[in-house]
PDB file of N, CA and C in Angstrom:
ATOM      1  N   MET A   1     128.368  56.698 124.419  1.00  0.00           N
ATOM      2  CA  MET A   1     127.948  55.793 125.487  1.00  0.00           C
ATOM      3  C   MET A   1     128.820  54.539 125.451  1.00  0.00           C
ATOM      4  N   GLN A   2     129.094  54.039 126.625  1.00  0.00           N
ATOM      5  CA  GLN A   2     129.986  52.895 126.718  1.00  0.00           C
ATOM      6  C   GLN A   2     129.233  51.594 126.497  1.00  0.00           C
ATOM      7  N   GLN A   3     129.917  50.665 125.862  1.00  0.00           N
ATOM      8  CA  GLN A   3     129.324  49.368 125.594  1.00  0.00           C
ATOM      9  C   GLN A   3     129.464  48.480 126.831  1.00  0.00           C
ATOM     10  N   ILE A   4     128.387  47.812 127.228  1.00  0.00           N
ATOM     11  CA  ILE A   4     128.416  46.926 128.384  1.00  0.00           C
ATOM     12  C   ILE A   4     128.821  45.543 127.898  1.00  0.00           C
ATOM     13  N   SER A   5     129.785  44.931 128.577  1.00  0.00           N
ATOM     14  CA  SER A   5     130.291  43.637 128.140  1.00  0.00           C
ATOM     15  C   SER A   5     129.292  42.521 128.445  1.00  0.00           C
ATOM     16  N   PHE A   6     129.456  41.417 127.724  1.00  0.00           N
ATOM     17  CA  PHE A   6     128.592  40.255 127.895  1.00  0.00           C
ATOM     18  C   PHE A   6     128.683  39.712 129.313  1.00  0.00           C
ATOM     19  N   MET A   7     129.890  39.736 129.898  1.00  0.00           N
ATOM     20  CA  MET A   7     130.071  39.223 131.254  1.00  0.00           C
ATOM     21  C   MET A   7     129.266  40.036 132.268  1.00  0.00           C
ATOM     22  N   LYS A   8     129.142  41.334 132.052  1.00  0.00           N
ATOM     23  CA  LYS A   8     128.360  42.155 132.976  1.00  0.00           C
ATOM     24  C   LYS A   8     126.874  41.840 132.858  1.00  0.00           C
ATOM     25  N   ILE A   9     126.412  41.525 131.667  1.00  0.00           N
ATOM     26  CA  ILE A   9     125.009  41.174 131.479  1.00  0.00           C
ATOM     27  C   ILE A   9     124.688  39.892 132.244  1.00  0.00           C
ATOM     28  N   ILE A  10     125.619  38.957 132.272  1.00  0.00           N
ATOM     29  CA  ILE A  10     125.425  37.711 133.013  1.00  0.00           C
ATOM     30  C   ILE A  10     125.622  37.928 134.514  1.00  0.00           C
ATOM     31  N   ALA A  11     126.626  38.715 134.881  1.00  0.00           N
ATOM     32  CA  ALA A  11     126.988  38.851 136.295  1.00  0.00           C
ATOM     33  C   ALA A  11     125.979  39.662 137.097  1.00  0.00           C
ATOM     34  N   LEU A  12     125.343  40.652 136.493  1.00  0.00           N
ATOM     35  CA  LEU A  12     124.451  41.515 137.258  1.00  0.00           C
ATOM     36  C   LEU A  12     123.249  40.773 137.832  1.00  0.00           C
ATOM     37  N   PRO A  13     122.484  39.983 137.046  1.00  0.00           N
ATOM     38  CA  PRO A  13     121.366  39.250 137.663  1.00  0.00           C
ATOM     39  C   PRO A  13     121.829  38.256 138.728  1.00  0.00           C
ATOM     40  N   VAL A  14     122.969  37.589 138.482  1.00  0.00           N
ATOM     41  CA  VAL A  14     123.493  36.653 139.476  1.00  0.00           C
ATOM     42  C   VAL A  14     123.819  37.399 140.761  1.00  0.00           C
ATOM     43  N   HIS A  15     124.419  38.550 140.621  1.00  0.00           N
ATOM     44  CA  HIS A  15     124.807  39.348 141.775  1.00  0.00           C
ATOM     45  C   HIS A  15     123.583  39.860 142.541  1.00  0.00           C
ATOM     46  N   LEU A  16     122.518  40.202 141.819  1.00  0.00           N
ATOM     47  CA  LEU A  16     121.318  40.718 142.472  1.00  0.00           C
ATOM     48  C   LEU A  16     120.535  39.626 143.190  1.00  0.00           C
ATOM     49  N   LEU A  17     120.520  38.429 142.633  1.00  0.00           N
ATOM     50  CA  LEU A  17     119.647  37.390 143.156  1.00  0.00           C
ATOM     51  C   LEU A  17     120.286  36.504 144.217  1.00  0.00           C
ATOM     52  N   LEU A  18     121.599  36.343 144.182  1.00  0.00           N
ATOM     53  CA  LEU A  18     122.247  35.437 145.122  1.00  0.00           C
ATOM     54  C   LEU A  18     122.808  36.205 146.315  1.00  0.00           C
ATOM     55  N   PRO A  19     122.959  35.520 147.438  1.00  0.00           N
ATOM     56  CA  PRO A  19     123.576  36.169 148.601  1.00  0.00           C
ATOM     57  C   PRO A  19     124.995  36.638 148.266  1.00  0.00           C
ATOM     58  N   ARG A  20     125.403  37.705 148.907  1.00  0.00           N
ATOM     59  CA  ARG A  20     126.693  38.310 148.562  1.00  0.00           C
ATOM     60  C   ARG A  20     127.818  37.747 149.416  1.00  0.00           C
ATOM     61  N   THR A  21     127.894  36.433 149.471  1.00  0.00           N
ATOM     62  CA  THR A  21     128.982  35.776 150.191  1.00  0.00           C
ATOM     63  C   THR A  21     129.538  34.687 149.293  1.00  0.00           C
ATOM     64  N   GLY A  22     130.747  34.287 149.553  1.00  0.00           N
ATOM     65  CA  GLY A  22     131.326  33.154 148.841  1.00  0.00           C
ATOM     66  C   GLY A  22     132.038  33.536 147.560  1.00  0.00           C
ATOM     67  N   ALA A  23     132.510  32.511 146.881  1.00  0.00           N
ATOM     68  CA  ALA A  23     133.348  32.695 145.694  1.00  0.00           C
ATOM     69  C   ALA A  23     132.561  33.274 144.523  1.00  0.00           C
ATOM     70  N   LEU A  24     131.294  32.873 144.381  1.00  0.00           N
ATOM     71  CA  LEU A  24     130.515  33.379 143.251  1.00  0.00           C
ATOM     72  C   LEU A  24     130.312  34.881 143.365  1.00  0.00           C
ATOM     73  N   SER A  25     130.078  35.357 144.582  1.00  0.00           N
ATOM     74  CA  SER A  25     129.932  36.791 144.788  1.00  0.00           C
ATOM     75  C   SER A  25     131.231  37.520 144.474  1.00  0.00           C
ATOM     76  N   SER A  26     132.347  36.917 144.844  1.00  0.00           N
ATOM     77  CA  SER A  26     133.642  37.533 144.531  1.00  0.00           C
ATOM     78  C   SER A  26     133.838  37.633 143.031  1.00  0.00           C
ATOM     79  N   ALA A  27     133.410  36.589 142.320  1.00  0.00           N
ATOM     80  CA  ALA A  27     133.550  36.607 140.863  1.00  0.00           C
ATOM     81  C   ALA A  27     132.675  37.695 140.242  1.00  0.00           C
ATOM     82  N   THR A  28     131.414  37.809 140.694  1.00  0.00           N
ATOM     83  CA  THR A  28     130.543  38.828 140.127  1.00  0.00           C
ATOM     84  C   THR A  28     131.000  40.222 140.536  1.00  0.00           C
ATOM     85  N   ASN A  29     131.522  40.353 141.749  1.00  0.00           N
ATOM     86  CA  ASN A  29     132.051  41.648 142.177  1.00  0.00           C
ATOM     87  C   ASN A  29     133.206  42.078 141.301  1.00  0.00           C
ATOM     88  N   SER A  30     134.092  41.141 140.967  1.00  0.00           N
ATOM     89  CA  SER A  30     135.249  41.508 140.161  1.00  0.00           C
ATOM     90  C   SER A  30     134.829  41.894 138.756  1.00  0.00           C
ATOM     91  N   VAL A  31     133.756  41.287 138.250  1.00  0.00           N
ATOM     92  CA  VAL A  31     133.274  41.652 136.911  1.00  0.00           C
ATOM     93  C   VAL A  31     132.576  43.006 136.955  1.00  0.00           C
ATOM     94  N   LEU A  32     131.704  43.201 137.968  1.00  0.00           N
ATOM     95  CA  LEU A  32     130.896  44.413 138.015  1.00  0.00           C
ATOM     96  C   LEU A  32     131.665  45.631 138.498  1.00  0.00           C
ATOM     97  N   TYR A  33     132.527  45.441 139.476  1.00  0.00           N
ATOM     98  CA  TYR A  33     133.137  46.590 140.143  1.00  0.00           C
ATOM     99  C   TYR A  33     134.615  46.735 139.849  1.00  0.00           C
ATOM    100  N   ASN A  34     135.055  46.193 138.727  1.00  0.00           N
ATOM    101  CA  ASN A  34     136.463  46.273 138.365  1.00  0.00           C
ATOM    102  C   ASN A  34     136.860  47.741 138.213  1.00  0.00           C
ATOM    103  N   PRO A  35     137.793  48.224 139.013  1.00  0.00           N
ATOM    104  CA  PRO A  35     138.150  49.650 138.955  1.00  0.00           C
ATOM    105  C   PRO A  35     138.823  50.055 137.646  1.00  0.00           C
ATOM    106  N   GLU A  36     139.291  49.071 136.876  1.00  0.00           N
ATOM    107  CA  GLU A  36     139.919  49.405 135.597  1.00  0.00           C
ATOM    108  C   GLU A  36     138.885  49.782 134.540  1.00  0.00           C
ATOM    109  N   GLU A  37     137.637  49.390 134.764  1.00  0.00           N
ATOM    110  CA  GLU A  37     136.579  49.717 133.816  1.00  0.00           C
ATOM    111  C   GLU A  37     135.731  50.856 134.383  1.00  0.00           C
ATOM    112  N   PRO A  38     135.292  51.781 133.541  1.00  0.00           N
ATOM    113  CA  PRO A  38     134.555  52.956 134.026  1.00  0.00           C
ATOM    114  C   PRO A  38     133.194  52.645 134.646  1.00  0.00           C
ATOM    115  N   ILE A  39     132.515  51.566 134.219  1.00  0.00           N
ATOM    116  CA  ILE A  39     131.201  51.261 134.784  1.00  0.00           C
ATOM    117  C   ILE A  39     131.409  50.640 136.160  1.00  0.00           C
ATOM    118  N   SER A  40     130.805  51.220 137.164  1.00  0.00           N
ATOM    119  CA  SER A  40     130.962  50.730 138.530  1.00  0.00           C
ATOM    120  C   SER A  40     129.598  50.700 139.202  1.00  0.00           C
ATOM    121  N   TYR A  41     129.601  50.359 140.489  1.00  0.00           N
ATOM    122  CA  TYR A  41     128.349  50.309 141.242  1.00  0.00           C
ATOM    123  C   TYR A  41     127.653  51.663 141.269  1.00  0.00           C
ATOM    124  N   MET A  42     128.435  52.730 141.329  1.00  0.00           N
ATOM    125  CA  MET A  42     127.830  54.065 141.371  1.00  0.00           C
ATOM    126  C   MET A  42     127.093  54.381 140.069  1.00  0.00           C
ATOM    127  N   TYR A  43     127.515  53.756 138.972  1.00  0.00           N
ATOM    128  CA  TYR A  43     126.825  53.960 137.695  1.00  0.00           C
ATOM    129  C   TYR A  43     125.390  53.463 137.790  1.00  0.00           C
ATOM    130  N   TRP A  44     125.209  52.304 138.398  1.00  0.00           N
ATOM    131  CA  TRP A  44     123.860  51.752 138.523  1.00  0.00           C
ATOM    132  C   TRP A  44     123.075  52.483 139.599  1.00  0.00           C
ATOM    133  N   GLY A  45     123.735  52.815 140.689  1.00  0.00           N
ATOM    134  CA  GLY A  45     123.058  53.505 141.780  1.00  0.00           C
ATOM    135  C   GLY A  45     122.190  52.555 142.585  1.00  0.00           C
ATOM    136  N   THR A  46     121.910  52.921 143.795  1.00  0.00           N
ATOM    137  CA  THR A  46     121.112  52.059 144.656  1.00  0.00           C
ATOM    138  C   THR A  46     119.686  51.927 144.142  1.00  0.00           C
ATOM    139  N   LEU A  47     119.098  53.019 143.686  1.00  0.00           N
ATOM    140  CA  LEU A  47     117.724  52.960 143.177  1.00  0.00           C
ATOM    141  C   LEU A  47     117.640  52.074 141.938  1.00  0.00           C
ATOM    142  N   GLY A  48     118.570  52.226 141.037  1.00  0.00           N
ATOM    143  CA  GLY A  48     118.596  51.388 139.841  1.00  0.00           C
ATOM    144  C   GLY A  48     118.779  49.920 140.181  1.00  0.00           C
ATOM    145  N   HIS A  49     119.572  49.659 141.201  1.00  0.00           N
ATOM    146  CA  HIS A  49     119.813  48.300 141.672  1.00  0.00           C
ATOM    147  C   HIS A  49     118.488  47.656 142.081  1.00  0.00           C
ATOM    148  N   TYR A  50     117.704  48.366 142.897  1.00  0.00           N
ATOM    149  CA  TYR A  50     116.436  47.821 143.363  1.00  0.00           C
ATOM    150  C   TYR A  50     115.378  47.767 142.257  1.00  0.00           C
ATOM    151  N   LEU A  51     115.353  48.757 141.386  1.00  0.00           N
ATOM    152  CA  LEU A  51     114.385  48.733 140.289  1.00  0.00           C
ATOM    153  C   LEU A  51     114.657  47.579 139.333  1.00  0.00           C
ATOM    154  N   LEU A  52     115.909  47.313 139.078  1.00  0.00           N
ATOM    155  CA  LEU A  52     116.260  46.189 138.213  1.00  0.00           C
ATOM    156  C   LEU A  52     115.859  44.865 138.859  1.00  0.00           C
ATOM    157  N   SER A  53     116.070  44.741 140.160  1.00  0.00           N
ATOM    158  CA  SER A  53     115.649  43.540 140.887  1.00  0.00           C
ATOM    159  C   SER A  53     114.134  43.369 140.823  1.00  0.00           C
ATOM    160  N   LEU A  54     113.412  44.457 141.013  1.00  0.00           N
ATOM    161  CA  LEU A  54     111.953  44.409 140.969  1.00  0.00           C
ATOM    162  C   LEU A  54     111.452  44.032 139.575  1.00  0.00           C
ATOM    163  N   ALA A  55     112.044  44.608 138.547  1.00  0.00           N
ATOM    164  CA  ALA A  55     111.641  44.283 137.180  1.00  0.00           C
ATOM    165  C   ALA A  55     111.906  42.808 136.868  1.00  0.00           C
ATOM    166  N   LEU A  56     113.027  42.290 137.312  1.00  0.00           N
ATOM    167  CA  LEU A  56     113.344  40.885 137.090  1.00  0.00           C
ATOM    168  C   LEU A  56     112.365  39.986 137.839  1.00  0.00           C
ATOM    169  N   LEU A  57     112.011  40.357 139.061  1.00  0.00           N
ATOM    170  CA  LEU A  57     111.050  39.582 139.832  1.00  0.00           C
ATOM    171  C   LEU A  57     109.678  39.576 139.162  1.00  0.00           C
ATOM    172  N   ILE A  58     109.226  40.726 138.686  1.00  0.00           N
ATOM    173  CA  ILE A  58     107.927  40.817 138.005  1.00  0.00           C
ATOM    174  C   ILE A  58     107.930  39.964 136.736  1.00  0.00           C
ATOM    175  N   PHE A  59     109.028  40.014 135.987  1.00  0.00           N
ATOM    176  CA  PHE A  59     109.129  39.214 134.770  1.00  0.00           C
ATOM    177  C   PHE A  59     109.039  37.721 135.076  1.00  0.00           C
ATOM    178  N   VAL A  60     109.757  37.266 136.088  1.00  0.00           N
ATOM    179  CA  VAL A  60     109.758  35.842 136.431  1.00  0.00           C
ATOM    180  C   VAL A  60     108.385  35.401 136.917  1.00  0.00           C
ATOM    181  N   VAL A  61     107.748  36.203 137.773  1.00  0.00           N
ATOM    182  CA  VAL A  61     106.424  35.850 138.280  1.00  0.00           C
ATOM    183  C   VAL A  61     105.405  35.803 137.148  1.00  0.00           C
ATOM    184  N   SER A  62     105.422  36.781 136.245  1.00  0.00           N
ATOM    185  CA  SER A  62     104.475  36.777 135.130  1.00  0.00           C
ATOM    186  C   SER A  62     104.722  35.599 134.197  1.00  0.00           C
ATOM    187  N   TRP A  63     105.987  35.226 134.002  1.00  0.00           N
ATOM    188  CA  TRP A  63     106.314  34.083 133.154  1.00  0.00           C
ATOM    189  C   TRP A  63     105.763  32.800 133.761  1.00  0.00           C
ATOM    190  N   PHE A  64     105.925  32.624 135.087  1.00  0.00           N
ATOM    191  CA  PHE A  64     105.390  31.438 135.739  1.00  0.00           C
ATOM    192  C   PHE A  64     103.866  31.411 135.685  1.00  0.00           C
ATOM    193  N   LEU A  65     103.218  32.554 135.848  1.00  0.00           N
ATOM    194  CA  LEU A  65     101.758  32.597 135.782  1.00  0.00           C
ATOM    195  C   LEU A  65     101.259  32.262 134.381  1.00  0.00           C
ATOM    196  N   LYS A  66     101.953  32.738 133.354  1.00  0.00           N
ATOM    197  CA  LYS A  66     101.565  32.404 131.977  1.00  0.00           C
ATOM    198  C   LYS A  66     101.697  30.906 131.725  1.00  0.00           C
ATOM    199  N   ARG A  67     102.786  30.323 132.186  1.00  0.00           N
ATOM    200  CA  ARG A  67     102.996  28.890 131.972  1.00  0.00           C
ATOM    201  C   ARG A  67     101.953  28.057 132.702  1.00  0.00           C
ATOM    202  N   ARG A  68     101.535  28.513 133.868  1.00  0.00           N
ATOM    203  CA  ARG A  68     100.565  27.767 134.659  1.00  0.00           C
ATOM    204  C   ARG A  68      99.184  27.804 134.004  1.00  0.00           C
ATOM    205  N   ASP A  69      98.844  28.916 133.361  1.00  0.00           N
ATOM    206  CA  ASP A  69      97.525  29.056 132.743  1.00  0.00           C
ATOM    207  C   ASP A  69      97.391  28.256 131.454  1.00  0.00           C
ATOM    208  N   VAL A  70      98.497  27.964 130.808  1.00  0.00           N
ATOM    209  CA  VAL A  70      98.432  27.283 129.495  1.00  0.00           C
ATOM    210  C   VAL A  70      98.033  25.849 129.647  1.00  0.00           C
TER     211      VAL A  70
END
């Protein structure tokens, strides 16, 4: 199995949460979809893309609810 680089771990949430326009999107696109590296958008797939977004949203909402209750 291939090792995922640290930059991809940072770039993927940024890419999922922010609009896909502008320089930041270009930067995350170049990290995520670099054709020189075997991991590409097809590796994640559209379903995985949305499931990861949903999991991140659930985590953030639950974290805010926990902080509010304390």
